[in-house]
N, C-alpha and C. Protein backbone atom coordinates (compact mmCIF):
# COMPACT_ATOMS: atom_id res chain seq x y z
N MET A 1 -188.78 9.42 96.02
CA MET A 1 -187.69 10.33 96.34
C MET A 1 -187.88 11.63 95.56
N ILE A 2 -187.93 12.74 96.27
CA ILE A 2 -188.15 14.05 95.66
C ILE A 2 -186.86 14.86 95.70
N TRP A 3 -186.49 15.45 94.56
CA TRP A 3 -185.31 16.31 94.54
C TRP A 3 -185.44 17.34 93.43
N GLN A 4 -184.58 18.35 93.50
CA GLN A 4 -184.52 19.39 92.48
C GLN A 4 -183.10 19.46 91.94
N ASP A 5 -182.98 19.79 90.67
CA ASP A 5 -181.65 19.89 90.06
C ASP A 5 -181.80 20.63 88.73
N LYS A 6 -180.66 20.88 88.10
CA LYS A 6 -180.65 21.44 86.76
C LYS A 6 -179.97 20.46 85.83
N GLY A 7 -180.48 20.37 84.60
CA GLY A 7 -179.90 19.40 83.69
C GLY A 7 -180.20 19.69 82.24
N PHE A 8 -179.43 19.07 81.36
CA PHE A 8 -179.57 19.22 79.91
C PHE A 8 -180.37 18.05 79.35
N LEU A 9 -181.28 18.35 78.44
CA LEU A 9 -182.12 17.32 77.84
C LEU A 9 -181.31 16.54 76.81
N LEU A 10 -181.14 15.24 77.04
CA LEU A 10 -180.40 14.38 76.13
C LEU A 10 -181.31 13.67 75.15
N SER A 11 -182.50 13.32 75.60
CA SER A 11 -183.39 12.52 74.76
C SER A 11 -184.82 12.72 75.22
N ILE A 12 -185.75 12.68 74.27
CA ILE A 12 -187.17 12.72 74.62
C ILE A 12 -187.95 11.94 73.57
N ASN A 13 -188.83 11.06 74.03
CA ASN A 13 -189.65 10.25 73.15
C ASN A 13 -191.09 10.23 73.65
N LYS A 14 -192.00 10.36 72.73
CA LYS A 14 -193.42 10.37 73.08
C LYS A 14 -193.83 9.05 73.70
N TYR A 15 -194.53 9.13 74.83
CA TYR A 15 -194.96 7.94 75.56
C TYR A 15 -196.44 7.66 75.29
N ASN A 16 -197.24 8.67 75.40
CA ASN A 16 -198.65 8.57 75.02
C ASN A 16 -199.11 9.95 74.55
N GLU A 17 -200.40 10.15 74.46
CA GLU A 17 -200.91 11.39 73.87
C GLU A 17 -200.44 12.64 74.61
N ASN A 18 -200.26 12.55 75.91
CA ASN A 18 -199.96 13.75 76.70
C ASN A 18 -198.62 13.71 77.43
N SER A 19 -197.84 12.67 77.26
CA SER A 19 -196.60 12.59 78.03
C SER A 19 -195.46 12.00 77.21
N SER A 20 -194.24 12.20 77.71
CA SER A 20 -193.04 11.72 77.03
C SER A 20 -192.05 11.15 78.05
N ILE A 21 -191.25 10.20 77.61
CA ILE A 21 -190.14 9.70 78.42
C ILE A 21 -188.91 10.54 78.07
N SER A 22 -188.28 11.11 79.08
CA SER A 22 -187.15 12.02 78.85
C SER A 22 -185.91 11.56 79.60
N VAL A 23 -184.76 11.96 79.07
CA VAL A 23 -183.48 11.68 79.71
C VAL A 23 -182.73 13.01 79.85
N PHE A 24 -182.28 13.30 81.06
CA PHE A 24 -181.52 14.53 81.33
C PHE A 24 -180.16 14.16 81.92
N TYR A 25 -179.18 15.03 81.67
CA TYR A 25 -177.91 14.91 82.40
C TYR A 25 -177.85 16.06 83.38
N THR A 26 -177.86 15.75 84.67
CA THR A 26 -177.98 16.76 85.71
C THR A 26 -176.67 16.97 86.45
N LYS A 27 -176.61 18.07 87.15
CA LYS A 27 -175.39 18.44 87.88
C LYS A 27 -175.11 17.51 89.04
N ASN A 28 -176.13 17.16 89.79
CA ASN A 28 -175.94 16.41 91.04
C ASN A 28 -176.33 14.94 90.98
N LYS A 29 -177.05 14.53 89.94
CA LYS A 29 -177.52 13.15 89.85
C LYS A 29 -176.95 12.39 88.66
N GLY A 30 -176.27 13.11 87.75
CA GLY A 30 -175.84 12.47 86.52
C GLY A 30 -177.01 12.26 85.58
N LYS A 31 -177.01 11.15 84.87
CA LYS A 31 -178.09 10.88 83.92
C LYS A 31 -179.32 10.35 84.66
N VAL A 32 -180.48 10.94 84.38
CA VAL A 32 -181.73 10.51 85.01
C VAL A 32 -182.81 10.37 83.95
N VAL A 33 -183.72 9.45 84.20
CA VAL A 33 -184.82 9.17 83.27
C VAL A 33 -186.14 9.37 83.99
N GLY A 34 -187.09 10.00 83.30
CA GLY A 34 -188.41 10.20 83.91
C GLY A 34 -189.44 10.61 82.88
N THR A 35 -190.68 10.58 83.30
CA THR A 35 -191.80 10.97 82.45
C THR A 35 -192.14 12.44 82.65
N ILE A 36 -192.39 13.13 81.55
CA ILE A 36 -192.89 14.49 81.61
C ILE A 36 -194.35 14.47 81.20
N PHE A 37 -195.24 14.70 82.14
CA PHE A 37 -196.66 14.78 81.83
C PHE A 37 -196.97 16.16 81.23
N GLY A 38 -197.88 16.15 80.26
CA GLY A 38 -198.23 17.42 79.63
C GLY A 38 -197.17 17.93 78.68
N SER A 39 -196.31 17.05 78.19
CA SER A 39 -195.21 17.49 77.32
C SER A 39 -195.68 18.00 75.97
N THR A 40 -196.93 17.72 75.62
CA THR A 40 -197.46 18.20 74.34
C THR A 40 -198.19 19.53 74.48
N SER A 41 -198.24 20.07 75.68
CA SER A 41 -198.94 21.34 75.88
C SER A 41 -198.15 22.50 75.29
N LYS A 42 -198.84 23.52 74.88
CA LYS A 42 -198.19 24.68 74.27
C LYS A 42 -197.22 25.35 75.25
N LYS A 43 -197.47 25.20 76.53
CA LYS A 43 -196.66 25.88 77.54
C LYS A 43 -195.21 25.42 77.53
N ILE A 44 -194.97 24.12 77.28
CA ILE A 44 -193.59 23.63 77.39
C ILE A 44 -193.06 22.94 76.13
N LYS A 45 -193.93 22.50 75.23
CA LYS A 45 -193.43 21.66 74.13
C LYS A 45 -192.42 22.38 73.25
N ASN A 46 -192.56 23.68 73.09
CA ASN A 46 -191.62 24.42 72.24
C ASN A 46 -190.23 24.54 72.86
N TYR A 47 -190.15 24.32 74.18
CA TYR A 47 -188.86 24.38 74.85
C TYR A 47 -188.18 23.02 74.95
N LEU A 48 -188.94 21.95 74.73
CA LEU A 48 -188.40 20.61 74.92
C LEU A 48 -187.57 20.18 73.72
N LEU A 49 -186.46 20.88 73.54
CA LEU A 49 -185.53 20.59 72.46
C LEU A 49 -184.26 19.98 73.05
N ILE A 50 -183.75 18.97 72.37
CA ILE A 50 -182.51 18.33 72.80
C ILE A 50 -181.43 19.40 72.99
N GLY A 51 -180.76 19.37 74.15
CA GLY A 51 -179.69 20.31 74.43
C GLY A 51 -180.07 21.45 75.33
N ASN A 52 -181.35 21.81 75.38
CA ASN A 52 -181.77 22.89 76.26
C ASN A 52 -181.57 22.50 77.73
N LYS A 53 -181.37 23.52 78.56
CA LYS A 53 -181.11 23.30 79.98
C LYS A 53 -182.37 23.62 80.78
N PHE A 54 -182.70 22.75 81.74
CA PHE A 54 -183.94 22.86 82.49
C PHE A 54 -183.71 22.82 83.99
N HIS A 55 -184.64 23.43 84.70
CA HIS A 55 -184.76 23.22 86.14
C HIS A 55 -185.74 22.07 86.32
N LEU A 56 -185.33 21.06 87.10
CA LEU A 56 -186.14 19.85 87.27
C LEU A 56 -186.64 19.71 88.69
N ASN A 57 -187.90 19.41 88.81
CA ASN A 57 -188.48 18.92 90.06
C ASN A 57 -188.84 17.47 89.82
N SER A 58 -188.23 16.58 90.59
CA SER A 58 -188.38 15.16 90.30
C SER A 58 -189.06 14.41 91.43
N ASN A 59 -189.88 13.46 91.01
CA ASN A 59 -190.46 12.51 91.94
C ASN A 59 -190.16 11.13 91.38
N LEU A 60 -188.98 10.61 91.72
CA LEU A 60 -188.56 9.31 91.20
C LEU A 60 -188.92 8.21 92.19
N LYS A 61 -189.47 7.14 91.68
CA LYS A 61 -189.95 6.05 92.53
C LYS A 61 -188.79 5.17 92.98
N ASP A 62 -188.94 4.58 94.15
CA ASP A 62 -187.90 3.71 94.71
C ASP A 62 -188.09 2.24 94.32
N ASP A 63 -189.16 1.93 93.62
CA ASP A 63 -189.44 0.53 93.29
C ASP A 63 -188.95 0.13 91.91
N GLY A 64 -188.08 0.97 91.33
CA GLY A 64 -187.53 0.65 90.02
C GLY A 64 -188.34 1.19 88.86
N LYS A 65 -189.55 1.67 89.14
CA LYS A 65 -190.38 2.23 88.08
C LYS A 65 -189.95 3.67 87.77
N VAL A 66 -190.22 4.08 86.55
CA VAL A 66 -189.85 5.44 86.12
C VAL A 66 -190.72 6.46 86.85
N GLY A 67 -190.09 7.47 87.42
CA GLY A 67 -190.83 8.53 88.08
C GLY A 67 -191.19 9.62 87.08
N TYR A 68 -191.45 10.83 87.60
CA TYR A 68 -191.84 11.90 86.68
C TYR A 68 -191.11 13.19 87.02
N PHE A 69 -191.02 14.04 86.00
CA PHE A 69 -190.39 15.35 86.14
C PHE A 69 -191.40 16.46 85.91
N LYS A 70 -191.27 17.51 86.68
CA LYS A 70 -191.85 18.80 86.34
C LYS A 70 -190.70 19.68 85.89
N VAL A 71 -190.82 20.27 84.72
CA VAL A 71 -189.67 20.98 84.14
C VAL A 71 -190.00 22.44 83.86
N GLU A 72 -188.99 23.28 84.03
CA GLU A 72 -189.06 24.68 83.63
C GLU A 72 -187.78 25.01 82.89
N ILE A 73 -187.89 25.77 81.82
CA ILE A 73 -186.71 26.12 81.05
C ILE A 73 -185.78 26.99 81.89
N ASP A 74 -184.51 26.63 81.89
CA ASP A 74 -183.50 27.39 82.61
C ASP A 74 -182.65 28.22 81.66
N GLU A 75 -182.16 27.57 80.59
CA GLU A 75 -181.39 28.29 79.57
C GLU A 75 -181.72 27.71 78.20
N ILE A 76 -182.00 28.59 77.25
CA ILE A 76 -182.19 28.16 75.87
C ILE A 76 -180.82 27.99 75.23
N LYS A 77 -180.55 26.81 74.73
CA LYS A 77 -179.25 26.50 74.15
C LYS A 77 -179.33 26.21 72.65
N THR A 78 -180.08 25.18 72.29
CA THR A 78 -180.11 24.71 70.91
C THR A 78 -180.66 25.73 69.92
N PRO A 79 -181.75 26.45 70.22
CA PRO A 79 -182.30 27.38 69.23
C PRO A 79 -181.33 28.47 68.78
N ILE A 80 -180.30 28.74 69.56
CA ILE A 80 -179.31 29.75 69.18
C ILE A 80 -178.62 29.35 67.87
N PHE A 81 -178.58 28.04 67.59
CA PHE A 81 -177.82 27.55 66.45
C PHE A 81 -178.71 27.02 65.32
N LEU A 82 -179.96 27.45 65.29
CA LEU A 82 -180.91 26.91 64.31
C LEU A 82 -180.51 27.19 62.87
N GLU A 83 -179.72 28.22 62.64
CA GLU A 83 -179.34 28.57 61.27
C GLU A 83 -178.15 27.77 60.76
N SER A 84 -177.56 26.93 61.60
CA SER A 84 -176.40 26.13 61.19
C SER A 84 -176.75 24.65 61.25
N LYS A 85 -176.87 24.03 60.08
CA LYS A 85 -177.19 22.60 60.02
C LYS A 85 -176.10 21.76 60.67
N LYS A 86 -174.83 22.13 60.44
CA LYS A 86 -173.73 21.37 61.03
C LYS A 86 -173.78 21.41 62.55
N LYS A 87 -174.04 22.58 63.11
CA LYS A 87 -174.06 22.70 64.57
C LYS A 87 -175.26 21.96 65.17
N LEU A 88 -176.39 21.99 64.48
CA LEU A 88 -177.55 21.25 64.97
C LEU A 88 -177.29 19.74 64.97
N TYR A 89 -176.65 19.25 63.92
CA TYR A 89 -176.31 17.83 63.86
C TYR A 89 -175.27 17.48 64.91
N CYS A 90 -174.36 18.43 65.18
CA CYS A 90 -173.36 18.20 66.21
C CYS A 90 -174.01 18.12 67.58
N ILE A 91 -174.98 19.00 67.84
CA ILE A 91 -175.71 18.96 69.12
C ILE A 91 -176.43 17.62 69.27
N LYS A 92 -177.08 17.19 68.20
CA LYS A 92 -177.81 15.92 68.25
C LYS A 92 -176.87 14.77 68.58
N TYR A 93 -175.70 14.75 67.93
CA TYR A 93 -174.74 13.68 68.20
C TYR A 93 -174.19 13.77 69.62
N ALA A 94 -173.80 14.96 70.05
CA ALA A 94 -173.20 15.12 71.38
C ALA A 94 -174.15 14.64 72.47
N MET A 95 -175.42 15.04 72.38
CA MET A 95 -176.40 14.60 73.37
C MET A 95 -176.64 13.09 73.27
N ASN A 96 -176.59 12.57 72.05
CA ASN A 96 -176.79 11.14 71.83
C ASN A 96 -175.67 10.31 72.45
N ILE A 97 -174.43 10.72 72.23
CA ILE A 97 -173.31 9.93 72.76
C ILE A 97 -173.25 10.04 74.28
N LEU A 98 -173.64 11.19 74.83
CA LEU A 98 -173.74 11.32 76.28
C LEU A 98 -174.78 10.35 76.84
N ASN A 99 -175.89 10.24 76.13
CA ASN A 99 -176.95 9.33 76.56
C ASN A 99 -176.51 7.87 76.48
N ILE A 100 -175.78 7.54 75.42
CA ILE A 100 -175.36 6.15 75.20
C ILE A 100 -174.32 5.70 76.21
N LEU A 101 -173.36 6.58 76.51
CA LEU A 101 -172.16 6.14 77.24
C LEU A 101 -172.13 6.52 78.72
N THR A 102 -173.15 7.18 79.21
CA THR A 102 -173.18 7.48 80.65
C THR A 102 -174.15 6.56 81.37
N VAL A 103 -173.93 6.42 82.67
CA VAL A 103 -174.70 5.49 83.49
C VAL A 103 -175.74 6.27 84.29
N GLU A 104 -176.92 5.70 84.43
CA GLU A 104 -177.98 6.37 85.20
C GLU A 104 -177.59 6.56 86.66
N ASN A 105 -178.00 7.71 87.18
CA ASN A 105 -177.87 8.03 88.61
C ASN A 105 -176.42 7.93 89.11
N GLN A 106 -175.49 8.31 88.25
CA GLN A 106 -174.08 8.32 88.64
C GLN A 106 -173.52 9.71 88.35
N LYS A 107 -173.31 10.47 89.40
CA LYS A 107 -172.85 11.85 89.26
C LYS A 107 -171.45 11.90 88.68
N ASN A 108 -171.24 12.81 87.72
CA ASN A 108 -169.91 13.08 87.19
C ASN A 108 -169.87 14.56 86.83
N ILE A 109 -169.37 15.36 87.74
CA ILE A 109 -169.39 16.81 87.55
C ILE A 109 -168.54 17.21 86.36
N ASP A 110 -167.51 16.43 86.03
CA ASP A 110 -166.67 16.75 84.87
C ASP A 110 -167.47 16.62 83.58
N VAL A 111 -168.31 15.62 83.49
CA VAL A 111 -169.16 15.46 82.31
C VAL A 111 -170.15 16.62 82.22
N TYR A 112 -170.73 16.98 83.35
CA TYR A 112 -171.69 18.10 83.36
C TYR A 112 -171.02 19.39 82.88
N LYS A 113 -169.81 19.65 83.34
CA LYS A 113 -169.08 20.85 82.91
C LYS A 113 -168.74 20.80 81.43
N LEU A 114 -168.45 19.60 80.93
CA LEU A 114 -168.19 19.45 79.51
C LEU A 114 -169.40 19.84 78.67
N ILE A 115 -170.60 19.49 79.14
CA ILE A 115 -171.81 19.86 78.42
C ILE A 115 -171.95 21.38 78.40
N GLU A 116 -171.70 22.02 79.54
CA GLU A 116 -171.76 23.48 79.59
C GLU A 116 -170.75 24.09 78.62
N ASN A 117 -169.54 23.54 78.60
CA ASN A 117 -168.49 24.05 77.72
C ASN A 117 -168.80 23.81 76.25
N PHE A 118 -169.53 22.74 75.98
CA PHE A 118 -169.86 22.37 74.61
C PHE A 118 -170.58 23.50 73.89
N PHE A 119 -171.56 24.11 74.55
CA PHE A 119 -172.33 25.15 73.88
C PHE A 119 -171.53 26.44 73.71
N GLU A 120 -170.53 26.66 74.53
CA GLU A 120 -169.62 27.77 74.32
C GLU A 120 -168.67 27.46 73.16
N LEU A 121 -168.25 26.22 73.07
CA LEU A 121 -167.36 25.79 71.98
C LEU A 121 -168.00 26.05 70.62
N LEU A 122 -169.31 25.84 70.51
CA LEU A 122 -170.00 26.01 69.23
C LEU A 122 -169.95 27.45 68.72
N LYS A 123 -169.67 28.39 69.60
CA LYS A 123 -169.61 29.80 69.21
C LYS A 123 -168.25 30.20 68.65
N ASP A 124 -167.28 29.30 68.76
CA ASP A 124 -165.91 29.61 68.37
C ASP A 124 -165.70 29.36 66.87
N ASP A 125 -164.79 30.14 66.26
CA ASP A 125 -164.51 29.98 64.83
C ASP A 125 -163.91 28.62 64.52
N TYR A 126 -163.22 28.01 65.48
CA TYR A 126 -162.55 26.73 65.27
C TYR A 126 -163.35 25.56 65.85
N TRP A 127 -164.65 25.72 65.96
CA TRP A 127 -165.44 24.74 66.70
C TRP A 127 -165.38 23.33 66.08
N LEU A 128 -165.33 23.25 64.75
CA LEU A 128 -165.31 21.92 64.12
C LEU A 128 -164.10 21.12 64.56
N LYS A 129 -162.95 21.77 64.60
CA LYS A 129 -161.74 21.09 65.04
C LYS A 129 -161.78 20.84 66.55
N ASN A 130 -162.19 21.85 67.30
CA ASN A 130 -162.16 21.74 68.77
C ASN A 130 -163.15 20.73 69.31
N PHE A 131 -164.22 20.46 68.55
CA PHE A 131 -165.18 19.45 69.02
C PHE A 131 -164.54 18.07 69.06
N ILE A 132 -163.57 17.81 68.20
CA ILE A 132 -162.85 16.54 68.25
C ILE A 132 -162.18 16.37 69.61
N PHE A 133 -161.56 17.45 70.11
CA PHE A 133 -160.90 17.37 71.41
C PHE A 133 -161.93 17.29 72.53
N TRP A 134 -163.11 17.87 72.30
CA TRP A 134 -164.22 17.73 73.27
C TRP A 134 -164.61 16.26 73.38
N GLU A 135 -164.76 15.60 72.24
CA GLU A 135 -165.07 14.16 72.24
C GLU A 135 -164.03 13.38 73.04
N LEU A 136 -162.77 13.63 72.75
CA LEU A 136 -161.69 12.89 73.42
C LEU A 136 -161.70 13.15 74.92
N GLU A 137 -162.02 14.37 75.33
CA GLU A 137 -162.08 14.69 76.75
C GLU A 137 -163.26 13.98 77.41
N PHE A 138 -164.37 13.88 76.71
CA PHE A 138 -165.51 13.13 77.23
C PHE A 138 -165.16 11.66 77.40
N PHE A 139 -164.52 11.07 76.39
CA PHE A 139 -164.12 9.67 76.50
C PHE A 139 -163.19 9.47 77.70
N LYS A 140 -162.31 10.43 77.92
CA LYS A 140 -161.40 10.36 79.07
C LYS A 140 -162.19 10.39 80.38
N CYS A 141 -163.22 11.23 80.45
CA CYS A 141 -164.03 11.35 81.67
C CYS A 141 -164.73 10.05 82.04
N ILE A 142 -165.03 9.23 81.04
CA ILE A 142 -165.73 7.97 81.32
C ILE A 142 -164.77 6.78 81.30
N GLY A 143 -163.46 7.07 81.30
CA GLY A 143 -162.49 6.00 81.48
C GLY A 143 -161.79 5.50 80.24
N TYR A 144 -161.90 6.23 79.11
CA TYR A 144 -161.27 5.79 77.88
C TYR A 144 -160.35 6.90 77.35
N ASP A 145 -159.17 6.96 77.91
CA ASP A 145 -158.21 8.00 77.56
C ASP A 145 -157.28 7.49 76.45
N ILE A 146 -156.92 8.40 75.55
CA ILE A 146 -155.93 8.06 74.53
C ILE A 146 -155.09 9.29 74.23
N ASP A 147 -153.79 9.08 74.13
CA ASP A 147 -152.87 10.12 73.69
C ASP A 147 -152.20 9.59 72.44
N PHE A 148 -152.55 10.16 71.28
CA PHE A 148 -152.06 9.63 70.02
C PHE A 148 -150.54 9.68 69.91
N LYS A 149 -149.92 10.55 70.69
CA LYS A 149 -148.46 10.64 70.68
C LYS A 149 -147.80 9.32 71.06
N ASN A 150 -148.50 8.53 71.86
CA ASN A 150 -147.92 7.26 72.33
C ASN A 150 -147.97 6.16 71.27
N TYR A 151 -148.61 6.42 70.13
CA TYR A 151 -148.81 5.35 69.15
C TYR A 151 -148.20 5.68 67.78
N VAL A 152 -147.55 6.83 67.67
CA VAL A 152 -147.08 7.25 66.35
C VAL A 152 -145.58 7.49 66.35
N LYS A 153 -145.03 7.50 65.15
CA LYS A 153 -143.66 7.96 64.96
C LYS A 153 -143.67 9.05 63.89
N LYS A 154 -142.73 9.95 63.98
CA LYS A 154 -142.65 11.07 63.04
C LYS A 154 -141.82 10.69 61.84
N VAL A 155 -142.34 10.99 60.66
CA VAL A 155 -141.62 10.72 59.42
C VAL A 155 -141.71 11.96 58.52
N ILE A 156 -140.88 12.01 57.50
CA ILE A 156 -140.93 13.09 56.52
C ILE A 156 -141.38 12.49 55.19
N ILE A 157 -142.49 12.98 54.69
CA ILE A 157 -143.04 12.53 53.41
C ILE A 157 -143.22 13.75 52.52
N ASN A 158 -142.54 13.74 51.36
CA ASN A 158 -142.60 14.88 50.43
C ASN A 158 -142.25 16.19 51.13
N ASN A 159 -141.21 16.10 51.96
CA ASN A 159 -140.71 17.27 52.70
C ASN A 159 -141.69 17.81 53.73
N GLU A 160 -142.65 17.01 54.08
CA GLU A 160 -143.63 17.43 55.10
C GLU A 160 -143.57 16.47 56.28
N GLU A 161 -143.74 17.04 57.48
CA GLU A 161 -143.76 16.23 58.71
C GLU A 161 -145.09 15.50 58.83
N LYS A 162 -145.02 14.20 59.02
CA LYS A 162 -146.21 13.39 59.18
C LYS A 162 -146.04 12.48 60.40
N PHE A 163 -147.18 12.02 60.92
CA PHE A 163 -147.16 11.07 62.03
C PHE A 163 -147.92 9.82 61.61
N ILE A 164 -147.26 8.67 61.75
CA ILE A 164 -147.90 7.43 61.34
C ILE A 164 -147.91 6.45 62.51
N VAL A 165 -148.94 5.60 62.52
CA VAL A 165 -149.06 4.55 63.54
C VAL A 165 -148.10 3.43 63.18
N ASP A 166 -147.33 3.00 64.15
CA ASP A 166 -146.28 2.01 63.90
C ASP A 166 -146.80 0.71 63.30
N ASN A 167 -147.92 0.20 63.82
CA ASN A 167 -148.32 -1.16 63.44
C ASN A 167 -149.09 -1.24 62.13
N ASN A 168 -149.67 -0.14 61.66
CA ASN A 168 -150.45 -0.22 60.42
C ASN A 168 -150.15 0.90 59.43
N GLN A 169 -149.21 1.76 59.76
CA GLN A 169 -148.79 2.86 58.88
C GLN A 169 -149.90 3.86 58.58
N LYS A 170 -150.94 3.87 59.39
CA LYS A 170 -152.02 4.85 59.20
C LYS A 170 -151.51 6.24 59.59
N ILE A 171 -151.82 7.23 58.76
CA ILE A 171 -151.39 8.60 59.04
C ILE A 171 -152.38 9.27 59.99
N ILE A 172 -151.84 9.83 61.06
CA ILE A 172 -152.65 10.58 62.03
C ILE A 172 -152.50 12.07 61.72
N PRO A 173 -153.58 12.81 61.53
CA PRO A 173 -153.47 14.24 61.24
C PRO A 173 -152.62 14.97 62.27
N ASN A 174 -151.78 15.86 61.80
CA ASN A 174 -150.83 16.55 62.67
C ASN A 174 -151.49 17.26 63.84
N PHE A 175 -152.69 17.82 63.63
CA PHE A 175 -153.29 18.61 64.70
C PHE A 175 -153.71 17.76 65.90
N LEU A 176 -153.90 16.45 65.68
CA LEU A 176 -154.21 15.57 66.81
C LEU A 176 -152.98 15.31 67.68
N ILE A 177 -151.81 15.56 67.12
CA ILE A 177 -150.57 15.38 67.85
C ILE A 177 -150.09 16.71 68.44
N ASN A 178 -150.06 17.74 67.59
CA ASN A 178 -149.52 19.04 68.01
C ASN A 178 -150.52 19.89 68.78
N LYS A 179 -151.82 19.63 68.54
CA LYS A 179 -152.90 20.38 69.20
C LYS A 179 -152.70 21.88 69.09
N ASN A 180 -152.34 22.32 67.88
CA ASN A 180 -152.16 23.75 67.66
C ASN A 180 -153.50 24.42 67.39
N ASN A 181 -153.49 25.73 67.31
CA ASN A 181 -154.73 26.50 67.19
C ASN A 181 -154.90 27.09 65.80
N GLU A 182 -154.25 26.48 64.80
CA GLU A 182 -154.37 27.02 63.45
C GLU A 182 -155.64 26.54 62.78
N GLN A 183 -156.10 27.32 61.81
CA GLN A 183 -157.28 26.93 61.07
C GLN A 183 -156.92 25.83 60.09
N LEU A 184 -157.82 24.87 59.89
CA LEU A 184 -157.58 23.74 59.00
C LEU A 184 -158.69 23.67 57.96
N ASP A 185 -158.37 23.05 56.82
CA ASP A 185 -159.44 22.84 55.85
C ASP A 185 -160.27 21.64 56.28
N ASN A 186 -161.46 21.55 55.72
CA ASN A 186 -162.40 20.51 56.13
C ASN A 186 -161.89 19.10 55.82
N LYS A 187 -161.03 18.98 54.81
CA LYS A 187 -160.50 17.67 54.45
C LYS A 187 -159.65 17.12 55.59
N GLU A 188 -158.81 17.97 56.19
CA GLU A 188 -157.95 17.53 57.29
C GLU A 188 -158.79 17.26 58.54
N ILE A 189 -159.78 18.10 58.78
CA ILE A 189 -160.65 17.90 59.94
C ILE A 189 -161.44 16.60 59.80
N PHE A 190 -161.90 16.32 58.59
CA PHE A 190 -162.64 15.09 58.32
C PHE A 190 -161.79 13.86 58.65
N LYS A 191 -160.51 13.91 58.29
CA LYS A 191 -159.59 12.81 58.63
C LYS A 191 -159.52 12.62 60.14
N GLY A 192 -159.46 13.75 60.88
CA GLY A 192 -159.41 13.67 62.33
C GLY A 192 -160.64 13.01 62.92
N TYR A 193 -161.81 13.36 62.39
CA TYR A 193 -163.05 12.74 62.87
C TYR A 193 -163.06 11.24 62.59
N ASN A 194 -162.52 10.83 61.46
CA ASN A 194 -162.48 9.40 61.15
C ASN A 194 -161.56 8.65 62.10
N ILE A 195 -160.43 9.25 62.45
CA ILE A 195 -159.49 8.61 63.38
C ILE A 195 -160.15 8.44 64.75
N VAL A 196 -160.79 9.51 65.23
CA VAL A 196 -161.45 9.44 66.54
C VAL A 196 -162.64 8.49 66.48
N GLY A 197 -163.35 8.48 65.37
CA GLY A 197 -164.48 7.55 65.21
C GLY A 197 -164.03 6.11 65.25
N ASP A 198 -162.86 5.84 64.67
CA ASP A 198 -162.30 4.50 64.71
C ASP A 198 -161.98 4.08 66.15
N PHE A 199 -161.41 5.02 66.91
CA PHE A 199 -161.13 4.75 68.33
C PHE A 199 -162.42 4.51 69.11
N LEU A 200 -163.43 5.33 68.85
CA LEU A 200 -164.72 5.17 69.52
C LEU A 200 -165.32 3.80 69.25
N GLU A 201 -165.31 3.40 67.99
CA GLU A 201 -165.94 2.13 67.62
C GLU A 201 -165.19 0.92 68.18
N LYS A 202 -163.87 0.90 67.99
CA LYS A 202 -163.10 -0.29 68.34
C LYS A 202 -162.80 -0.42 69.83
N THR A 203 -162.63 0.72 70.50
CA THR A 203 -162.21 0.68 71.91
C THR A 203 -163.37 0.80 72.89
N ILE A 204 -164.43 1.51 72.48
CA ILE A 204 -165.52 1.78 73.43
C ILE A 204 -166.81 1.04 73.05
N LEU A 205 -167.24 1.20 71.82
CA LEU A 205 -168.56 0.68 71.44
C LEU A 205 -168.57 -0.85 71.29
N LYS A 206 -167.70 -1.39 70.46
CA LYS A 206 -167.73 -2.84 70.21
C LYS A 206 -167.51 -3.67 71.47
N PRO A 207 -166.54 -3.32 72.33
CA PRO A 207 -166.36 -4.12 73.56
C PRO A 207 -167.58 -4.10 74.47
N ASN A 208 -168.43 -3.08 74.31
CA ASN A 208 -169.63 -2.97 75.14
C ASN A 208 -170.90 -3.33 74.37
N ASN A 209 -170.71 -3.96 73.21
CA ASN A 209 -171.84 -4.40 72.37
C ASN A 209 -172.79 -3.26 72.02
N LEU A 210 -172.21 -2.12 71.68
CA LEU A 210 -172.98 -0.94 71.30
C LEU A 210 -172.76 -0.63 69.82
N SER A 211 -173.79 -0.16 69.17
CA SER A 211 -173.71 0.18 67.75
C SER A 211 -173.16 1.59 67.56
N TYR A 212 -172.50 1.77 66.44
CA TYR A 212 -172.00 3.10 66.10
C TYR A 212 -173.20 4.02 65.87
N PRO A 213 -173.24 5.19 66.52
CA PRO A 213 -174.43 6.04 66.42
C PRO A 213 -174.59 6.70 65.05
N ASN A 214 -175.77 6.57 64.48
CA ASN A 214 -176.06 7.22 63.21
C ASN A 214 -175.91 8.73 63.31
N SER A 215 -176.14 9.27 64.50
CA SER A 215 -176.05 10.71 64.67
C SER A 215 -174.63 11.21 64.40
N ARG A 216 -173.61 10.42 64.75
CA ARG A 216 -172.23 10.83 64.45
C ARG A 216 -171.95 10.69 62.96
N PHE A 217 -172.40 9.60 62.38
CA PHE A 217 -172.23 9.36 60.95
C PHE A 217 -172.83 10.51 60.14
N ASN A 218 -174.05 10.91 60.49
CA ASN A 218 -174.73 11.99 59.76
C ASN A 218 -174.02 13.33 59.93
N PHE A 219 -173.55 13.59 61.15
CA PHE A 219 -172.84 14.84 61.41
C PHE A 219 -171.52 14.90 60.65
N VAL A 220 -170.72 13.85 60.75
CA VAL A 220 -169.40 13.85 60.11
C VAL A 220 -169.51 13.95 58.60
N ASN A 221 -170.55 13.36 58.03
CA ASN A 221 -170.71 13.42 56.57
C ASN A 221 -170.97 14.84 56.08
N LEU A 222 -171.41 15.73 56.94
CA LEU A 222 -171.62 17.13 56.55
C LEU A 222 -170.30 17.89 56.43
N ILE A 223 -169.22 17.31 56.93
CA ILE A 223 -167.93 18.00 56.95
C ILE A 223 -167.15 17.79 55.66
N LYS A 224 -167.50 16.76 54.91
CA LYS A 224 -166.73 16.42 53.70
C LYS A 224 -166.61 17.61 52.76
């Protein structure tokens, strides 16, 4: 089956001396897997960075075997953020979780648009906080929606408004409830990432026998 599409590189691993197995998330096919021959050549290897957007010419086999891609760079995405370690780790995690939690050959235009929006989000001053909401929106797109308002009650602690979970008294950061646009310190943002990480692990990963991704652990640890 031959087709053309555009997609973001989620994963690439060396297969042999001259080729690699790659995973892309495309506009019309969803997640697809294929071999890139000549991936070590000077012509394309410098562009084969996780997160970059490519034009794909695909010849995927119908017998269940992995087909192959011919790729051309469409938009450079990741190199724009090479000077920010946090953003590079965030890109690595975002592409990793997309790869882990999406299904092959299943189109989801909302997920594709989220990837496009992700790279715009990284340019914003509030990107660390807003990426948490990006994660939650992605989880919603694949069927795991949560509204923290449904699980908390409002209390006053030391004259400050707080939100706690009824069954375990865990404090949920206010910005996850109010979704305001104010700047936050990294300590509060770190708490938000831990809350969302807990939801990811207990509600999505463990029921599907999936391990917590090291890429998220490494990224979140940079926020402390």
